[in-house]
């Protein structure tokens, strides 16, 4: 087997002396006898591919990427600039590296606050989506072009929100998982395959800030600068390990799945709501949650910055009727809680007066937690335990995380409610109905058929205390 990263690190060495004049990274100081000495941190020396440990050989010293090769682009925030950007991208060639920055924890929702795109022949563009009603002109410029994203499931929903959706996709994070890399964050993959250190200190910044500071723009431009080279190396790894088709099916699935539908009764996901045992109190959680959502959306602020979930649960359990009693509860502190106290009290009163009290439990077809299966359905528990153990073995054999071979929810569902007959055909059909991809069905069907027909015996239930 050829060394999977030799070409990557050869190019990295070339870039050290050409396009990126960065500084060496990956060192730490060690004090010996009063003298401080710099010692290089140990690099990744091997990677497990298709069950074979492949040595990476001598790696080049990591180089800090601290400046985009074309400099820091100006932010596109006017219609003429947006038209120039679209024309340049349409005239470019090859795939387009795409990324977004959000203001999670600061602003309401998960909308994009900056869209970064780089394409050969077009350069890097930083677009302020807040300055435009939509970015369909950019979407049209990239029709038929492959988009390269890292962890696409995080960026695709907010790109859809500005009118952008790919026709073709390559997800470097998902590719790294399928290739069997031990760490799949963008910085880690760039270090192991390209030999660069990519700073990530601005990832949690408030990207709604205007104007955006220059160091943030530099960070944003560098994020898309590495993606094309990263795709090339990941493609080589996937091809060498026979997993290229697996990845292609996963990328197409992301495109076909589209944006997830809104949750039903999203207020039920408030942290701590499972501790509510009274329907009036549960109605209070609902009313407080929706009141907070409306206020947060109106003020364009993250809901948790008004009051946390813990405050909603405390108010629902305490049902205070006065402002002092409300503000004495945990979580009701700061100007927002005090200013909006009458609104919170109104929500509580609405819950008390409601004739539409929510049920404590919502019926659905979701299997119960596996921890209770042994008591409710020992056969299902045996199927699940056996299938899970054999999936773990398959995961080690393929060097693909188990959750990428089969979605954990799919595994629970088919084990809890299997087809009437445990045949290859019926199990294959059940997996397809759940949404498993062809490569997953091919790998999992014989495994599940054997696990269902020949389940291992359940381990005896352990006593609560060791001395029992």
Protein backbone atom coordinates (compact mmCIF):
# COMPACT_ATOMS: atom_id res chain seq x y z
CA UNK A 1 0.00 0.00 0.00
CA UNK A 2 1.33 3.42 -0.86
CA UNK A 3 1.94 5.97 1.84
CA UNK A 4 -1.40 7.86 2.01
CA UNK A 5 0.09 11.19 3.02
CA UNK A 6 3.38 11.39 1.16
CA UNK A 7 1.99 13.57 -1.60
CA UNK A 8 0.15 15.73 0.92
CA UNK A 9 3.25 16.48 2.92
CA UNK A 10 5.34 16.99 -0.19
CA UNK A 11 2.95 19.71 -1.23
CA UNK A 12 2.97 21.07 2.31
CA UNK A 13 6.74 21.39 2.16
CA UNK A 14 6.44 23.24 -1.15
CA UNK A 15 3.87 25.60 0.29
CA UNK A 16 6.12 26.35 3.24
CA UNK A 17 8.51 28.06 0.89
CA UNK A 18 6.03 29.53 -1.59
CA UNK A 19 2.42 30.51 -1.02
CA UNK A 20 2.35 30.49 2.80
CA UNK A 21 5.29 32.01 4.59
CA UNK A 22 4.08 30.92 8.01
CA UNK A 23 5.87 30.19 11.23
CA UNK A 24 6.67 26.75 12.69
CA UNK A 25 4.11 25.46 15.15
CA UNK A 26 3.57 22.42 17.35
CA UNK A 27 6.25 23.26 19.93
CA UNK A 28 6.21 23.63 23.70
CA UNK A 29 8.75 24.86 26.22
CA UNK A 30 10.52 22.54 28.66
CA UNK A 31 12.56 23.89 31.55
CA UNK A 32 15.80 22.00 32.27
CA UNK A 33 18.17 23.29 34.89
CA UNK A 34 16.76 26.81 34.69
CA UNK A 35 17.00 26.88 30.89
CA UNK A 36 13.87 27.02 28.75
CA UNK A 37 14.13 24.80 25.67
CA UNK A 38 11.63 24.41 22.83
CA UNK A 39 10.71 20.80 22.11
CA UNK A 40 8.58 19.80 19.11
CA UNK A 41 5.29 18.14 19.99
CA UNK A 42 4.96 14.56 18.77
CA UNK A 43 3.18 14.49 15.36
CA UNK A 44 0.74 11.88 14.12
CA UNK A 45 2.99 9.04 12.93
CA UNK A 46 0.52 6.52 11.55
CA UNK A 47 -3.11 6.06 10.57
CA UNK A 48 -5.30 2.95 10.52
CA UNK A 49 -6.71 2.39 7.02
CA UNK A 50 -8.87 -0.60 6.17
CA UNK A 51 -7.52 -2.49 9.16
CA UNK A 52 -3.88 -1.79 8.27
CA UNK A 53 -1.68 0.54 10.33
CA UNK A 54 0.03 2.77 7.76
CA UNK A 55 3.17 4.61 8.79
CA UNK A 56 3.24 8.21 7.67
CA UNK A 57 7.00 8.48 7.65
CA UNK A 58 8.89 11.62 8.53
CA UNK A 59 6.50 14.54 8.66
CA UNK A 60 7.44 18.14 7.98
CA UNK A 61 7.36 20.63 10.80
CA UNK A 62 3.89 22.12 11.15
CA UNK A 63 3.58 25.56 9.66
CA UNK A 64 1.22 28.19 11.02
CA UNK A 65 -1.24 29.45 8.43
CA UNK A 66 -1.46 33.07 9.46
CA UNK A 67 -2.19 34.93 6.23
CA UNK A 68 -4.30 34.02 3.16
CA UNK A 69 -2.19 33.61 0.03
CA UNK A 70 -4.04 36.48 -1.71
CA UNK A 71 -4.28 38.68 1.37
CA UNK A 72 -7.44 39.45 3.34
CA UNK A 73 -10.42 40.07 1.02
CA UNK A 74 -12.77 42.99 1.56
CA UNK A 75 -16.22 42.06 2.85
CA UNK A 76 -18.90 42.00 0.14
CA UNK A 77 -21.77 44.11 1.48
CA UNK A 78 -23.10 46.06 -1.53
CA UNK A 79 -25.09 44.96 -4.57
CA UNK A 80 -22.35 45.91 -7.09
CA UNK A 81 -19.78 43.96 -5.08
CA UNK A 82 -22.12 40.98 -4.87
CA UNK A 83 -22.57 40.99 -8.65
CA UNK A 84 -18.79 41.09 -9.13
CA UNK A 85 -18.44 38.19 -6.71
CA UNK A 86 -21.04 36.11 -8.59
CA UNK A 87 -19.39 36.82 -11.94
CA UNK A 88 -15.96 35.86 -10.64
CA UNK A 89 -17.20 32.63 -9.08
CA UNK A 90 -19.08 31.67 -12.25
CA UNK A 91 -15.92 32.26 -14.31
CA UNK A 92 -13.74 30.23 -11.95
CA UNK A 93 -12.90 26.55 -12.35
CA UNK A 94 -12.93 23.46 -10.19
CA UNK A 95 -14.86 22.96 -6.95
CA UNK A 96 -15.88 25.78 -4.63
CA UNK A 97 -14.78 25.72 -0.99
CA UNK A 98 -17.64 27.03 1.15
CA UNK A 99 -17.95 27.87 4.84
CA UNK A 100 -20.13 29.97 7.11
CA UNK A 101 -19.78 31.71 10.43
CA UNK A 102 -22.73 32.05 12.81
CA UNK A 103 -23.39 33.93 16.04
CA UNK A 104 -24.70 31.01 18.06
CA UNK A 105 -25.22 31.99 21.67
CA UNK A 106 -25.40 35.68 20.75
CA UNK A 107 -28.17 36.13 18.16
CA UNK A 108 -31.55 34.52 17.60
CA UNK A 109 -31.52 31.44 15.39
CA UNK A 110 -28.65 29.85 13.48
CA UNK A 111 -28.48 32.13 10.45
CA UNK A 112 -25.23 32.74 8.60
CA UNK A 113 -23.39 35.93 9.59
CA UNK A 114 -20.60 35.46 7.05
CA UNK A 115 -20.32 33.23 3.97
CA UNK A 116 -16.83 32.38 2.71
CA UNK A 117 -16.24 30.97 -0.77
CA UNK A 118 -13.02 30.20 -2.61
CA UNK A 119 -12.67 28.88 -6.14
CA UNK A 120 -9.64 28.60 -8.37
CA UNK A 121 -9.55 31.44 -10.87
CA UNK A 122 -11.92 33.48 -8.68
CA UNK A 123 -10.05 33.81 -5.39
CA UNK A 124 -11.59 34.06 -1.94
CA UNK A 125 -14.76 36.04 -1.24
CA UNK A 126 -16.21 36.99 2.14
CA UNK A 127 -19.91 37.84 1.88
CA UNK A 128 -22.00 39.57 4.55
CA UNK A 129 -25.43 37.89 4.14
CA UNK A 130 -26.99 40.39 6.56
CA UNK A 131 -26.58 43.06 3.88
CA UNK A 132 -28.80 41.24 1.37
CA UNK A 133 -32.29 39.74 1.35
CA UNK A 134 -30.85 36.54 -0.16
CA UNK A 135 -27.82 35.16 -1.99
CA UNK A 136 -29.52 33.37 -4.87
CA UNK A 137 -27.20 35.15 -7.32
CA UNK A 138 -24.30 33.27 -5.72
CA UNK A 139 -26.27 30.03 -5.77
CA UNK A 140 -26.89 30.46 -9.50
CA UNK A 141 -23.21 31.22 -10.13
CA UNK A 142 -22.32 27.86 -8.55
CA UNK A 143 -24.95 25.72 -10.32
CA UNK A 144 -23.46 22.34 -11.17
CA UNK A 145 -20.28 23.10 -9.22
CA UNK A 146 -19.12 20.78 -6.45
CA UNK A 147 -19.11 22.45 -3.03
CA UNK A 148 -16.52 21.43 -0.43
CA UNK A 149 -17.59 21.96 3.18
CA UNK A 150 -16.36 20.69 6.53
CA UNK A 151 -19.18 19.25 8.67
CA UNK A 152 -21.75 20.19 6.04
CA UNK A 153 -24.75 19.33 8.23
CA UNK A 154 -23.92 22.39 10.35
CA UNK A 155 -23.61 24.82 7.43
CA UNK A 156 -26.22 23.62 4.95
CA UNK A 157 -29.30 24.78 6.93
CA UNK A 158 -28.05 28.36 7.26
CA UNK A 159 -26.94 28.37 3.61
CA UNK A 160 -30.45 27.29 2.66
CA UNK A 161 -31.69 30.23 4.69
CA UNK A 162 -29.93 32.64 2.30
CA UNK A 163 -31.04 30.77 -0.83
CA UNK A 164 -28.02 28.52 -1.40
CA UNK A 165 -27.97 24.73 -1.84
CA UNK A 166 -25.37 22.52 -3.56
CA UNK A 167 -25.89 20.27 -6.57
CA UNK A 168 -22.73 18.32 -5.68
CA UNK A 169 -21.03 18.02 -2.31
CA UNK A 170 -17.83 16.83 -0.66
CA UNK A 171 -17.80 16.94 3.15
CA UNK A 172 -14.23 16.81 4.46
CA UNK A 173 -15.32 16.00 8.02
CA UNK A 174 -17.50 13.09 6.93
CA UNK A 175 -14.80 11.92 4.52
CA UNK A 176 -12.26 11.93 7.36
CA UNK A 177 -14.60 9.79 9.47
CA UNK A 178 -15.11 7.24 6.71
CA UNK A 179 -11.39 7.23 5.90
CA UNK A 180 -10.70 6.26 9.52
CA UNK A 181 -8.76 9.30 10.67
CA UNK A 182 -8.49 9.41 14.48
CA UNK A 183 -9.44 13.12 14.74
CA UNK A 184 -11.84 14.77 12.32
CA UNK A 185 -11.96 18.43 13.35
CA UNK A 186 -10.83 20.75 10.57
CA UNK A 187 -7.68 21.81 12.38
CA UNK A 188 -6.68 18.23 13.19
CA UNK A 189 -7.28 16.94 9.65
CA UNK A 190 -5.34 19.86 8.14
CA UNK A 191 -2.42 19.16 10.46
CA UNK A 192 -2.29 15.42 9.77
CA UNK A 193 -2.79 15.58 5.99
CA UNK A 194 -1.37 18.95 4.93
CA UNK A 195 1.17 19.73 7.62
CA UNK A 196 -0.35 23.12 8.53
CA UNK A 197 -1.50 24.50 11.84
CA UNK A 198 -4.86 26.24 11.42
CA UNK A 199 -5.80 28.53 14.32
CA UNK A 200 -9.40 28.15 15.52
CA UNK A 201 -9.53 30.77 18.27
CA UNK A 202 -12.33 32.80 16.64
CA UNK A 203 -14.75 29.93 16.03
CA UNK A 204 -17.00 30.89 18.97
CA UNK A 205 -16.83 34.66 18.39
CA UNK A 206 -19.88 36.88 17.96
CA UNK A 207 -19.88 37.01 14.17
CA UNK A 208 -22.75 39.50 14.16
CA UNK A 209 -20.18 42.13 15.14
CA UNK A 210 -19.86 44.90 12.54
CA UNK A 211 -17.40 45.81 11.25
CA UNK A 212 -15.72 42.42 11.58
CA UNK A 213 -12.18 42.73 13.01
CA UNK A 214 -9.33 42.02 10.61
CA UNK A 215 -8.03 38.96 12.55
CA UNK A 216 -11.48 37.39 12.25
CA UNK A 217 -11.56 38.00 8.50
CA UNK A 218 -8.11 36.44 8.17
CA UNK A 219 -9.36 33.39 10.11
CA UNK A 220 -12.48 33.14 7.92
CA UNK A 221 -10.51 33.33 4.67
CA UNK A 222 -8.04 30.66 5.79
CA UNK A 223 -10.84 28.22 6.62
CA UNK A 224 -11.79 27.89 2.93
CA UNK A 225 -8.23 28.14 1.64
CA UNK A 226 -7.31 24.63 2.77
CA UNK A 227 -10.44 22.76 1.69
CA UNK A 228 -9.53 22.04 -1.95
CA UNK A 229 -6.15 20.54 -1.00
CA UNK A 230 -7.83 18.64 1.82
CA UNK A 231 -10.36 17.10 -0.56
CA UNK A 232 -7.56 15.86 -2.81
CA UNK A 233 -5.83 14.04 0.02
CA UNK A 234 -9.04 12.60 1.45
CA UNK A 235 -10.04 11.35 -2.00
CA UNK A 236 -6.74 9.48 -2.18
CA UNK A 237 -7.30 7.93 1.26
CA UNK A 238 -10.85 6.88 0.40
CA UNK A 239 -9.82 5.40 -2.93
CA UNK A 240 -6.88 3.51 -1.44
CA UNK A 241 -9.11 1.99 1.25
CA UNK A 242 -12.00 1.18 -1.10
CA UNK A 243 -14.38 3.59 0.66
CA UNK A 244 -14.88 6.22 -2.01
CA UNK A 245 -18.35 4.95 -2.93
CA UNK A 246 -19.39 4.93 0.74
CA UNK A 247 -18.50 8.60 1.01
CA UNK A 248 -20.21 9.48 -2.27
CA UNK A 249 -23.47 7.96 -1.04
CA UNK A 250 -23.23 9.86 2.24
CA UNK A 251 -22.66 13.17 0.45
CA UNK A 252 -25.63 12.58 -1.84
CA UNK A 253 -27.77 11.71 1.17
CA UNK A 254 -26.99 15.09 2.73
CA UNK A 255 -28.12 16.83 -0.45
CA UNK A 256 -31.27 14.75 -0.85
CA UNK A 257 -32.29 15.00 2.81
CA UNK A 258 -32.60 18.78 2.65
CA UNK A 259 -33.18 20.94 5.71
CA UNK A 260 -34.66 19.03 8.69
CA UNK A 261 -38.32 19.76 9.35
CA UNK A 262 -39.12 21.89 12.43
CA UNK A 263 -39.58 19.88 15.61
CA UNK A 264 -43.06 19.22 16.93
CA UNK A 265 -43.50 20.83 20.37
CA UNK A 266 -39.91 22.13 20.51
CA UNK A 267 -40.57 23.47 24.02
CA UNK A 268 -40.51 19.90 25.33
CA UNK A 269 -36.76 19.91 24.75
CA UNK A 270 -36.22 22.53 27.43
CA UNK A 271 -33.53 21.14 29.71
CA UNK A 272 -35.18 19.73 32.84
CA UNK A 273 -38.70 19.44 31.40
CA UNK A 274 -38.62 15.69 32.07
CA UNK A 275 -38.80 16.48 35.80
CA UNK A 276 -42.26 18.10 35.45
CA UNK A 277 -45.01 15.81 36.72
CA UNK A 278 -48.02 18.14 36.56
CA UNK A 279 -49.92 19.18 33.42
CA UNK A 280 -50.46 22.78 34.59
CA UNK A 281 -46.75 23.08 35.31
CA UNK A 282 -46.00 21.57 31.90
CA UNK A 283 -48.30 24.19 30.34
CA UNK A 284 -46.27 26.80 32.21
CA UNK A 285 -43.07 25.44 30.58
CA UNK A 286 -44.77 25.75 27.20
CA UNK A 287 -46.03 29.32 27.79
CA UNK A 288 -42.71 30.53 29.22
CA UNK A 289 -40.77 28.92 26.37
CA UNK A 290 -42.89 30.54 23.64
CA UNK A 291 -42.82 33.90 25.44
CA UNK A 292 -39.04 33.72 25.54
CA UNK A 293 -38.89 32.77 21.84
CA UNK A 294 -41.02 35.75 20.81
CA UNK A 295 -38.95 38.17 22.88
CA UNK A 296 -35.67 36.68 21.64
CA UNK A 297 -36.73 36.83 17.99
CA UNK A 298 -37.98 40.41 18.34
CA UNK A 299 -34.72 41.53 19.96
CA UNK A 300 -32.50 39.25 17.84
CA UNK A 301 -30.82 37.71 20.83
CA UNK A 302 -30.15 34.10 21.80
CA UNK A 303 -33.07 32.92 23.99
CA UNK A 304 -30.74 31.68 26.72
CA UNK A 305 -29.41 35.21 27.17
CA UNK A 306 -32.86 36.29 28.38
CA UNK A 307 -33.44 33.49 30.88
CA UNK A 308 -31.95 29.97 30.88
CA UNK A 309 -33.99 26.78 30.67
CA UNK A 310 -33.37 26.25 34.38
CA UNK A 311 -35.31 29.46 35.12
CA UNK A 312 -38.26 28.23 33.04
CA UNK A 313 -38.36 24.95 34.99
CA UNK A 314 -38.00 26.72 38.36
CA UNK A 315 -40.87 29.12 37.54
CA UNK A 316 -43.10 26.28 36.30
CA UNK A 317 -42.56 24.35 39.52
CA UNK A 318 -42.88 27.38 41.81
CA UNK A 319 -45.69 29.17 39.91
CA UNK A 320 -44.93 32.56 41.58
CA UNK A 321 -47.58 35.28 41.40
CA UNK A 322 -45.53 38.36 42.26
CA UNK A 323 -42.44 39.97 40.78
CA UNK A 324 -40.34 39.61 43.97
CA UNK A 325 -41.24 35.92 44.22
CA UNK A 326 -40.35 35.41 40.55
CA UNK A 327 -37.02 37.21 40.79
CA UNK A 328 -36.12 35.18 43.86
CA UNK A 329 -36.07 32.02 41.74
CA UNK A 330 -32.86 30.58 40.33
CA UNK A 331 -32.06 31.94 36.87
CA UNK A 332 -34.14 35.11 37.11
CA UNK A 333 -31.32 37.59 37.44
CA UNK A 334 -30.01 40.42 35.35
CA UNK A 335 -31.78 43.26 33.55
CA UNK A 336 -33.63 41.06 31.05
CA UNK A 337 -35.28 38.93 33.73
CA UNK A 338 -36.32 41.96 35.76
CA UNK A 339 -37.48 44.04 32.79
CA UNK A 340 -39.61 41.21 31.43
CA UNK A 341 -40.95 40.03 34.79
CA UNK A 342 -44.55 41.04 33.96
CA UNK A 343 -44.36 38.99 30.75
CA UNK A 344 -43.12 35.91 32.60
CA UNK A 345 -45.92 36.28 35.16
CA UNK A 346 -48.46 36.67 32.36
CA UNK A 347 -47.21 33.43 30.80
CA UNK A 348 -47.64 31.62 34.13
CA UNK A 349 -51.16 32.99 34.52
CA UNK A 350 -51.99 31.88 30.97
CA UNK A 351 -50.90 28.37 31.89
CA UNK A 352 -53.15 28.37 34.95
CA UNK A 353 -56.13 29.50 32.88
CA UNK A 354 -55.41 27.19 29.93
CA UNK A 355 -58.07 24.72 28.84
CA UNK A 356 -55.57 23.06 26.53
CA UNK A 357 -53.21 21.41 28.97
CA UNK A 358 -50.48 19.37 27.25
CA UNK A 359 -50.22 15.65 28.04
CA UNK A 360 -47.32 14.62 30.22
CA UNK A 361 -46.29 11.98 27.70
CA UNK A 362 -46.52 12.19 23.92
CA UNK A 363 -47.16 8.98 22.06
CA UNK A 364 -44.71 8.26 19.27
CA UNK A 365 -43.04 5.30 17.67
CA UNK A 366 -39.65 5.99 19.24
CA UNK A 367 -38.27 2.94 21.07
CA UNK A 368 -37.85 3.28 24.84
CA UNK A 369 -34.35 3.76 26.26
CA UNK A 370 -32.33 0.54 25.77
CA UNK A 371 -31.65 0.36 29.51
CA UNK A 372 -35.24 -0.79 30.10
CA UNK A 373 -35.43 -3.26 27.23
CA UNK A 374 -34.38 -6.28 29.30
CA UNK A 375 -37.46 -5.84 31.50
CA UNK A 376 -39.95 -4.87 28.79
CA UNK A 377 -38.82 -7.15 25.96
CA UNK A 378 -35.87 -9.47 26.70
CA UNK A 379 -35.77 -10.71 23.10
CA UNK A 380 -35.41 -7.17 21.76
CA UNK A 381 -32.72 -6.53 24.36
CA UNK A 382 -30.82 -9.63 23.22
CA UNK A 383 -31.10 -8.56 19.56
CA UNK A 384 -29.84 -5.08 20.35
CA UNK A 385 -26.95 -6.22 22.54
CA UNK A 386 -25.79 -8.75 19.97
CA UNK A 387 -26.14 -6.39 17.02
CA UNK A 388 -24.38 -3.58 18.84
CA UNK A 389 -21.43 -5.78 19.77
CA UNK A 390 -21.07 -7.08 16.22
CA UNK A 391 -21.37 -3.56 14.83
CA UNK A 392 -18.50 -2.56 17.09
CA UNK A 393 -16.42 -5.37 15.59
CA UNK A 394 -17.35 -4.27 12.07
CA UNK A 395 -16.45 -0.69 12.96
CA UNK A 396 -12.98 -1.80 14.02
CA UNK A 397 -12.58 -3.91 10.91
CA UNK A 398 -13.60 -1.10 8.54
CA UNK A 399 -12.04 1.70 10.65
CA UNK A 400 -15.28 3.63 10.34
CA UNK A 401 -17.13 4.90 13.45
CA UNK A 402 -20.11 2.70 14.27
CA UNK A 403 -22.51 5.64 14.09
CA UNK A 404 -21.44 6.25 10.50
CA UNK A 405 -21.98 2.63 9.51
CA UNK A 406 -25.54 2.80 10.83
CA UNK A 407 -27.33 5.66 12.53
CA UNK A 408 -27.84 4.67 16.20
CA UNK A 409 -31.54 5.51 15.97
CA UNK A 410 -31.93 3.13 13.02
CA UNK A 411 -30.23 0.36 14.99
CA UNK A 412 -32.53 0.86 17.98
CA UNK A 413 -35.66 0.96 15.83
CA UNK A 414 -34.95 -2.19 13.82
CA UNK A 415 -33.96 -4.10 16.95
CA UNK A 416 -37.05 -2.99 18.87
CA UNK A 417 -39.49 -3.58 16.01
CA UNK A 418 -37.81 -5.96 13.56
CA UNK A 419 -39.52 -7.33 10.43
CA UNK A 420 -41.75 -10.36 10.90
CA UNK A 421 -39.15 -12.67 9.37
CA UNK A 422 -35.43 -12.35 10.01
CA UNK A 423 -34.38 -12.84 6.40
CA UNK A 424 -31.82 -10.93 4.39
CA UNK A 425 -34.56 -9.58 2.15
CA UNK A 426 -36.84 -8.35 4.95
CA UNK A 427 -34.04 -6.78 6.97
CA UNK A 428 -32.62 -5.12 3.87
CA UNK A 429 -36.05 -3.65 3.11
CA UNK A 430 -36.50 -2.45 6.69
CA UNK A 431 -33.14 -0.68 6.64
CA UNK A 432 -33.97 0.99 3.34
CA UNK A 433 -37.29 2.16 4.73
CA UNK A 434 -35.52 3.72 7.70
CA UNK A 435 -33.22 5.64 5.37
CA UNK A 436 -30.00 3.61 5.39
CA UNK A 437 -27.81 4.07 2.34
CA UNK A 438 -27.03 1.13 -0.02
CA UNK A 439 -23.50 0.64 1.31
CA UNK A 440 -24.82 0.58 4.89
CA UNK A 441 -27.50 -1.94 3.94
CA UNK A 442 -24.88 -4.13 2.27
CA UNK A 443 -22.68 -4.14 5.38
CA UNK A 444 -25.42 -4.35 8.02
CA UNK A 445 -27.96 -6.78 6.55
CA UNK A 446 -25.99 -10.03 7.04
CA UNK A 447 -24.80 -8.81 10.44
CA UNK A 448 -28.34 -8.09 11.65
CA UNK A 449 -29.78 -11.27 10.15
CA UNK A 450 -27.25 -13.34 12.07
CA UNK A 451 -27.68 -11.31 15.28
CA UNK A 452 -31.48 -11.64 15.13
CA UNK A 453 -31.47 -15.35 14.35
CA UNK A 454 -28.64 -16.21 16.75
CA UNK A 455 -28.69 -13.63 19.55
CA UNK A 456 -26.21 -13.92 22.38
CA UNK A 457 -27.62 -14.58 25.83
CA UNK A 458 -28.20 -11.48 27.91
CA UNK A 459 -25.81 -10.94 30.78
CA UNK A 460 -27.43 -11.44 34.19
CA UNK A 461 -28.68 -8.23 35.74
CA UNK A 462 -26.11 -6.85 38.14
CA UNK A 463 -27.28 -6.22 41.71
CA UNK A 464 -27.57 -2.64 42.89
CA UNK A 465 -24.85 -3.26 45.46
CA UNK A 466 -21.79 -5.40 44.96
CA UNK A 467 -22.34 -7.22 48.30
CA UNK A 468 -25.92 -8.30 47.42
